[in-house]
């Protein structure tokens, strides 16, 4: 009896030890991750974008009132400065940015540039009514044409309508940018809750996996769009340069736009603790996956390949085609890493790119 009692006690103690040594469940940090991406990354960059557009409006008014080379330079610099926070957020090209009835994306950045649409407004004799204009005659690309075309200064000097158009376009951009910010803002349309409230209050995403999948797949889509629409579209299948297809053609900011896109991916993957942006990599580590070194290598290789394009992209598509194709290939490897290893590690589903070209 004593032996049986001792054996039972030891068995119970062993069972308690097994329970005590069992691995703790992996904490589900997806909601916290999505919240930081929406509030600390996206909304903060939209705020910065709005601030840069306000500076652009000030520069546009000054240029309209007294056209000069110096004021044109200031307005061009302000346009370039507004591009960075906007292009960093390209991963979030869904929801209010693309879906009706809001669809703010094309209202802000419909590209490639359609010069004929802008010229039609400049040469018309009727008052400029923005509500009557199509997307190709508004937004950042139309502003780029007004500010960066070779005859820009002469145009502002000889045609007051150009300055009026510039000011109206910038005012409209501010309206659209504020609308997009309000659509995501918890105190406004609160689309942020569609992500953060996935599986609870969201009408769009029935599970947290769906919400996380949206953003992670968009990282891969961004890389695919860079390759197809921003690099390869500049070169026809027979090698003929097609500069009219490039983004930010006249400002010669095409490669910088791409680098800003990659900066957005970098911030979401590696995070920024000082700014409260949580890292996707940390969540992967909690799940037992070590992809940090490979993602860093792929990102650095992509930036290095872009850096080897030492001419404006509009020139490189004619004189450095091998470098352009090489950059596209390196970005393709980065895309595969996300779509195969990263999405697999997160147990998400690979989606098809729904990019519509604007």
Foldseek 3Di string as FASTA:
>chain_A
DVVVVVVVVVVVVVVVVVVVPDDDDQDDCLLVQLLCCLPLQQLVLLVVLLVLLVQLLVLLVVCLVPNDPVSLVSNLVSLVSSLQSVLLCQLPCDDQCCDPPRVLVLQAFPDDADVVLCVVQQPDPDDDDPVPGDSNNAHSNVLLCCRQPPCNSVCSVPGSSSSVSNNVRSVSNSVSSVVVSQCCDPVHVVCSCLQSVACHPHPPHNHNLRSVLSSLLSLLLLLVCCLVQAQCVQADPVLDGNLSSHHSSRSLCSLVSSVSNLVSVVCAAPNDVVSSNDHPQVSLVSLPDDCVVVLVVLSVVLVVLSVVQPDRSSVCSNVVVVSSVVSSVSSVVSSCCSQPVVCVSVVHHNDDRPDPND
